[in-house]
Amino acid sequence: MEHILHALVNFQITPWKVVGYLGMVMFTSRWFVQMYATRKHKRVTMPLSFWVLSVCGSVLLLVYFVVGKNDSVGILSNLFPVVVSVYNLSVHVRHRGDGAAPGAAV
């Protein structure tokens, strides 16, 4: 408990923490985007912005953990989402290019 209190009292914002926080906010906000799209279309859907936020958030978090923190747990936990999100983004864009309806689930 003392360690947590010490960390909160001595909290400092560094440029790398800004990168990490921005990545975290982007990666988390994608779920709000998805929930909004689902409510709007009255069916489960993954809009393009969900995948864009996934890729951008994952990349920022990966950069933070590789360069700013050098944390193997963070690197491994964000490496897979980057690959999956890039794949799904490419499938989504390719599917929309085939004339699918906007907001269609992939």
N, C-alpha and C. Protein backbone atom coordinates (compact mmCIF):
# COMPACT_ATOMS: atom_id res chain seq x y z
N MET A 1 0.82 -1.19 0.00
CA MET A 1 0.00 0.00 0.00
C MET A 1 0.87 1.26 0.00
N GLU A 2 1.96 1.21 0.72
CA GLU A 2 2.86 2.36 0.79
C GLU A 2 3.46 2.67 -0.58
N HIS A 3 3.74 1.63 -1.34
CA HIS A 3 4.31 1.80 -2.69
C HIS A 3 3.31 2.54 -3.59
N ILE A 4 2.04 2.20 -3.48
CA ILE A 4 1.01 2.86 -4.28
C ILE A 4 0.88 4.32 -3.89
N LEU A 5 0.86 4.62 -2.62
CA LEU A 5 0.77 6.01 -2.16
C LEU A 5 1.99 6.82 -2.60
N HIS A 6 3.16 6.21 -2.52
CA HIS A 6 4.38 6.89 -2.96
C HIS A 6 4.31 7.20 -4.46
N ALA A 7 3.82 6.26 -5.25
CA ALA A 7 3.69 6.48 -6.70
C ALA A 7 2.70 7.59 -7.01
N LEU A 8 1.60 7.65 -6.26
CA LEU A 8 0.61 8.70 -6.50
C LEU A 8 1.12 10.08 -6.10
N VAL A 9 1.85 10.16 -5.01
CA VAL A 9 2.38 11.44 -4.54
C VAL A 9 3.47 11.95 -5.48
N ASN A 10 4.28 11.05 -6.00
CA ASN A 10 5.40 11.43 -6.86
C ASN A 10 5.08 11.25 -8.35
N PHE A 11 3.81 11.31 -8.69
CA PHE A 11 3.37 11.13 -10.08
C PHE A 11 3.94 12.21 -10.98
N GLN A 12 4.57 11.80 -12.07
CA GLN A 12 5.13 12.74 -13.04
C GLN A 12 4.67 12.34 -14.44
N ILE A 13 4.34 13.34 -15.23
CA ILE A 13 3.96 13.08 -16.61
C ILE A 13 5.21 13.27 -17.47
N THR A 14 5.54 12.23 -18.21
CA THR A 14 6.67 12.29 -19.14
C THR A 14 6.12 12.18 -20.55
N PRO A 15 6.91 12.55 -21.55
CA PRO A 15 6.43 12.39 -22.94
C PRO A 15 6.02 10.95 -23.26
N TRP A 16 6.74 9.98 -22.73
CA TRP A 16 6.39 8.58 -23.01
C TRP A 16 5.10 8.19 -22.32
N LYS A 17 4.83 8.75 -21.14
CA LYS A 17 3.54 8.47 -20.49
C LYS A 17 2.40 9.06 -21.29
N VAL A 18 2.61 10.22 -21.89
CA VAL A 18 1.58 10.82 -22.74
C VAL A 18 1.28 9.89 -23.91
N VAL A 19 2.33 9.32 -24.52
CA VAL A 19 2.13 8.36 -25.61
C VAL A 19 1.34 7.16 -25.10
N GLY A 20 1.71 6.63 -23.95
CA GLY A 20 1.01 5.48 -23.38
C GLY A 20 -0.44 5.78 -23.04
N TYR A 21 -0.69 6.94 -22.42
CA TYR A 21 -2.06 7.32 -22.07
C TYR A 21 -2.91 7.54 -23.32
N LEU A 22 -2.33 8.18 -24.34
CA LEU A 22 -3.06 8.40 -25.58
C LEU A 22 -3.42 7.07 -26.23
N GLY A 23 -2.48 6.14 -26.25
CA GLY A 23 -2.75 4.81 -26.79
C GLY A 23 -3.84 4.10 -26.01
N MET A 24 -3.80 4.21 -24.69
CA MET A 24 -4.80 3.57 -23.84
C MET A 24 -6.18 4.17 -24.09
N VAL A 25 -6.26 5.50 -24.19
CA VAL A 25 -7.54 6.16 -24.44
C VAL A 25 -8.10 5.76 -25.81
N MET A 26 -7.24 5.73 -26.82
CA MET A 26 -7.70 5.35 -28.16
C MET A 26 -8.17 3.90 -28.18
N PHE A 27 -7.39 3.01 -27.58
CA PHE A 27 -7.74 1.59 -27.60
C PHE A 27 -9.03 1.34 -26.83
N THR A 28 -9.22 2.04 -25.72
CA THR A 28 -10.44 1.88 -24.92
C THR A 28 -11.65 2.52 -25.60
N SER A 29 -11.47 3.67 -26.23
CA SER A 29 -12.59 4.40 -26.83
C SER A 29 -13.23 3.64 -27.99
N ARG A 30 -12.50 2.70 -28.56
CA ARG A 30 -13.06 1.94 -29.67
C ARG A 30 -14.32 1.19 -29.26
N TRP A 31 -14.40 0.79 -27.98
CA TRP A 31 -15.58 0.07 -27.51
C TRP A 31 -16.79 1.00 -27.43
N PHE A 32 -16.59 2.25 -27.12
CA PHE A 32 -17.69 3.21 -27.12
C PHE A 32 -18.17 3.47 -28.55
N VAL A 33 -17.23 3.52 -29.48
CA VAL A 33 -17.58 3.69 -30.89
C VAL A 33 -18.40 2.49 -31.36
N GLN A 34 -17.98 1.30 -30.99
CA GLN A 34 -18.68 0.08 -31.38
C GLN A 34 -20.08 0.05 -30.76
N MET A 35 -20.19 0.43 -29.50
CA MET A 35 -21.49 0.43 -28.83
C MET A 35 -22.44 1.44 -29.50
N TYR A 36 -21.92 2.61 -29.84
CA TYR A 36 -22.73 3.62 -30.52
C TYR A 36 -23.22 3.09 -31.87
N ALA A 37 -22.32 2.48 -32.65
CA ALA A 37 -22.71 1.95 -33.96
C ALA A 37 -23.74 0.85 -33.83
N THR A 38 -23.60 0.00 -32.83
CA THR A 38 -24.57 -1.07 -32.60
C THR A 38 -25.94 -0.50 -32.26
N ARG A 39 -25.96 0.50 -31.39
CA ARG A 39 -27.25 1.12 -31.04
C ARG A 39 -27.87 1.82 -32.25
N LYS A 40 -27.05 2.47 -33.04
CA LYS A 40 -27.54 3.20 -34.21
C LYS A 40 -28.14 2.26 -35.25
N HIS A 41 -27.46 1.14 -35.52
CA HIS A 41 -27.90 0.20 -36.56
C HIS A 41 -28.82 -0.89 -36.01
N LYS A 42 -28.98 -0.92 -34.69
CA LYS A 42 -29.83 -1.91 -34.01
C LYS A 42 -29.40 -3.35 -34.32
N ARG A 43 -28.11 -3.52 -34.51
CA ARG A 43 -27.49 -4.84 -34.67
C ARG A 43 -26.00 -4.68 -34.39
N VAL A 44 -25.36 -5.76 -34.05
CA VAL A 44 -23.94 -5.70 -33.75
C VAL A 44 -23.16 -5.38 -35.03
N THR A 45 -22.34 -4.36 -34.93
CA THR A 45 -21.55 -3.96 -36.08
C THR A 45 -20.21 -3.40 -35.62
N MET A 46 -19.21 -3.55 -36.43
CA MET A 46 -17.88 -3.03 -36.14
C MET A 46 -17.55 -1.99 -37.22
N PRO A 47 -17.72 -0.71 -36.91
CA PRO A 47 -17.45 0.31 -37.91
C PRO A 47 -15.95 0.44 -38.20
N LEU A 48 -15.65 1.05 -39.32
CA LEU A 48 -14.26 1.26 -39.72
C LEU A 48 -13.48 1.98 -38.63
N SER A 49 -14.11 2.95 -37.98
CA SER A 49 -13.42 3.71 -36.93
C SER A 49 -13.00 2.82 -35.76
N PHE A 50 -13.71 1.73 -35.51
CA PHE A 50 -13.32 0.77 -34.47
C PHE A 50 -11.94 0.20 -34.79
N TRP A 51 -11.74 -0.20 -36.03
CA TRP A 51 -10.46 -0.81 -36.42
C TRP A 51 -9.36 0.23 -36.50
N VAL A 52 -9.69 1.45 -36.93
CA VAL A 52 -8.67 2.51 -36.97
C VAL A 52 -8.21 2.83 -35.54
N LEU A 53 -9.15 2.97 -34.60
CA LEU A 53 -8.77 3.21 -33.20
C LEU A 53 -7.99 2.03 -32.63
N SER A 54 -8.35 0.82 -33.02
CA SER A 54 -7.63 -0.37 -32.56
C SER A 54 -6.18 -0.35 -33.02
N VAL A 55 -5.97 -0.07 -34.29
CA VAL A 55 -4.61 -0.04 -34.84
C VAL A 55 -3.80 1.08 -34.21
N CYS A 56 -4.36 2.28 -34.20
CA CYS A 56 -3.63 3.44 -33.65
C CYS A 56 -3.33 3.26 -32.16
N GLY A 57 -4.32 2.83 -31.40
CA GLY A 57 -4.12 2.62 -29.97
C GLY A 57 -3.10 1.53 -29.69
N SER A 58 -3.20 0.42 -30.42
CA SER A 58 -2.25 -0.68 -30.22
C SER A 58 -0.83 -0.28 -30.59
N VAL A 59 -0.69 0.45 -31.69
CA VAL A 59 0.65 0.88 -32.10
C VAL A 59 1.25 1.84 -31.07
N LEU A 60 0.46 2.80 -30.60
CA LEU A 60 0.97 3.73 -29.58
C LEU A 60 1.35 2.99 -28.30
N LEU A 61 0.53 2.05 -27.87
CA LEU A 61 0.86 1.28 -26.67
C LEU A 61 2.10 0.42 -26.90
N LEU A 62 2.21 -0.17 -28.07
CA LEU A 62 3.38 -0.98 -28.38
C LEU A 62 4.65 -0.13 -28.38
N VAL A 63 4.60 1.05 -28.98
CA VAL A 63 5.75 1.96 -28.98
C VAL A 63 6.10 2.37 -27.55
N TYR A 64 5.08 2.67 -26.75
CA TYR A 64 5.33 3.03 -25.36
C TYR A 64 6.04 1.90 -24.62
N PHE A 65 5.56 0.68 -24.78
CA PHE A 65 6.17 -0.43 -24.05
C PHE A 65 7.52 -0.85 -24.61
N VAL A 66 7.77 -0.64 -25.91
CA VAL A 66 9.08 -0.99 -26.49
C VAL A 66 10.11 0.07 -26.16
N VAL A 67 9.80 1.34 -26.44
CA VAL A 67 10.79 2.41 -26.31
C VAL A 67 10.73 3.09 -24.95
N GLY A 68 9.53 3.46 -24.52
CA GLY A 68 9.41 4.25 -23.30
C GLY A 68 9.55 3.46 -22.03
N LYS A 69 9.13 2.22 -22.02
CA LYS A 69 9.09 1.45 -20.78
C LYS A 69 9.98 0.22 -20.82
N ASN A 70 10.21 -0.34 -22.00
CA ASN A 70 10.99 -1.57 -22.18
C ASN A 70 10.43 -2.67 -21.28
N ASP A 71 9.14 -2.93 -21.43
CA ASP A 71 8.41 -3.89 -20.60
C ASP A 71 7.93 -5.04 -21.47
N SER A 72 8.48 -6.24 -21.24
CA SER A 72 8.15 -7.38 -22.09
C SER A 72 6.68 -7.80 -21.97
N VAL A 73 6.08 -7.64 -20.80
CA VAL A 73 4.66 -7.99 -20.64
C VAL A 73 3.80 -7.06 -21.50
N GLY A 74 4.07 -5.77 -21.44
CA GLY A 74 3.33 -4.81 -22.26
C GLY A 74 3.55 -5.02 -23.74
N ILE A 75 4.77 -5.36 -24.12
CA ILE A 75 5.08 -5.61 -25.53
C ILE A 75 4.28 -6.80 -26.03
N LEU A 76 4.34 -7.91 -25.31
CA LEU A 76 3.63 -9.12 -25.74
C LEU A 76 2.12 -8.94 -25.70
N SER A 77 1.60 -8.19 -24.73
CA SER A 77 0.15 -8.01 -24.64
C SER A 77 -0.39 -7.06 -25.71
N ASN A 78 0.47 -6.28 -26.35
CA ASN A 78 0.02 -5.36 -27.39
C ASN A 78 0.47 -5.75 -28.79
N LEU A 79 1.34 -6.72 -28.90
CA LEU A 79 1.81 -7.17 -30.21
C LEU A 79 0.70 -7.88 -30.98
N PHE A 80 0.01 -8.81 -30.32
CA PHE A 80 -1.05 -9.56 -30.98
C PHE A 80 -2.21 -8.67 -31.41
N PRO A 81 -2.70 -7.74 -30.56
CA PRO A 81 -3.80 -6.87 -31.02
C PRO A 81 -3.42 -6.02 -32.25
N VAL A 82 -2.16 -5.62 -32.37
CA VAL A 82 -1.75 -4.86 -33.55
C VAL A 82 -1.94 -5.71 -34.81
N VAL A 83 -1.47 -6.93 -34.76
CA VAL A 83 -1.56 -7.82 -35.92
C VAL A 83 -3.02 -8.09 -36.27
N VAL A 84 -3.83 -8.43 -35.28
CA VAL A 84 -5.24 -8.73 -35.52
C VAL A 84 -5.99 -7.50 -36.02
N SER A 85 -5.72 -6.34 -35.43
CA SER A 85 -6.41 -5.12 -35.84
C SER A 85 -6.04 -4.70 -37.25
N VAL A 86 -4.78 -4.82 -37.63
CA VAL A 86 -4.36 -4.49 -39.00
C VAL A 86 -5.03 -5.44 -39.99
N TYR A 87 -5.06 -6.72 -39.64
CA TYR A 87 -5.72 -7.70 -40.50
C TYR A 87 -7.21 -7.35 -40.67
N ASN A 88 -7.90 -7.12 -39.56
CA ASN A 88 -9.33 -6.81 -39.63
C ASN A 88 -9.60 -5.49 -40.34
N LEU A 89 -8.74 -4.51 -40.15
CA LEU A 89 -8.89 -3.24 -40.87
C LEU A 89 -8.76 -3.47 -42.37
N SER A 90 -7.78 -4.27 -42.78
CA SER A 90 -7.61 -4.54 -44.22
C SER A 90 -8.80 -5.31 -44.78
N VAL A 91 -9.33 -6.27 -44.04
CA VAL A 91 -10.52 -7.01 -44.49
C VAL A 91 -11.71 -6.08 -44.58
N HIS A 92 -11.88 -5.21 -43.58
CA HIS A 92 -12.98 -4.26 -43.57
C HIS A 92 -12.92 -3.34 -44.79
N VAL A 93 -11.77 -2.79 -45.05
CA VAL A 93 -11.61 -1.87 -46.19
C VAL A 93 -11.84 -2.62 -47.50
N ARG A 94 -11.30 -3.82 -47.62
CA ARG A 94 -11.48 -4.62 -48.84
C ARG A 94 -12.96 -4.97 -49.02
N HIS A 95 -13.65 -5.32 -47.94
CA HIS A 95 -15.07 -5.68 -47.99
C HIS A 95 -15.91 -4.48 -48.41
N ARG A 96 -15.60 -3.32 -47.87
CA ARG A 96 -16.35 -2.11 -48.25
C ARG A 96 -16.07 -1.73 -49.69
N GLY A 97 -14.87 -2.04 -50.18
CA GLY A 97 -14.54 -1.76 -51.56
C GLY A 97 -15.32 -2.64 -52.53
N ASP A 98 -15.86 -3.76 -52.03
CA ASP A 98 -16.66 -4.67 -52.86
C ASP A 98 -18.12 -4.23 -52.95
N GLY A 99 -18.45 -3.09 -52.35
CA GLY A 99 -19.80 -2.56 -52.44
C GLY A 99 -20.69 -2.95 -51.28
N ALA A 100 -20.11 -3.32 -50.14
CA ALA A 100 -20.92 -3.66 -48.98
C ALA A 100 -21.56 -2.40 -48.40
N ALA A 101 -22.62 -2.57 -47.68
CA ALA A 101 -23.31 -1.45 -47.07
C ALA A 101 -22.43 -0.81 -46.00
N PRO A 102 -22.50 0.52 -45.85
CA PRO A 102 -21.71 1.19 -44.81
C PRO A 102 -22.07 0.66 -43.43
N GLY A 103 -21.06 0.47 -42.60
CA GLY A 103 -21.29 -0.01 -41.26
C GLY A 103 -21.50 -1.50 -41.18
N ALA A 104 -21.30 -2.20 -42.28
CA ALA A 104 -21.52 -3.65 -42.28
C ALA A 104 -20.50 -4.34 -41.40
N ALA A 105 -20.95 -5.35 -40.72
CA ALA A 105 -20.05 -6.11 -39.85
C ALA A 105 -19.14 -6.99 -40.67
N VAL A 106 -17.93 -7.13 -40.19
CA VAL A 106 -16.96 -7.99 -40.87
C VAL A 106 -16.59 -9.10 -39.96
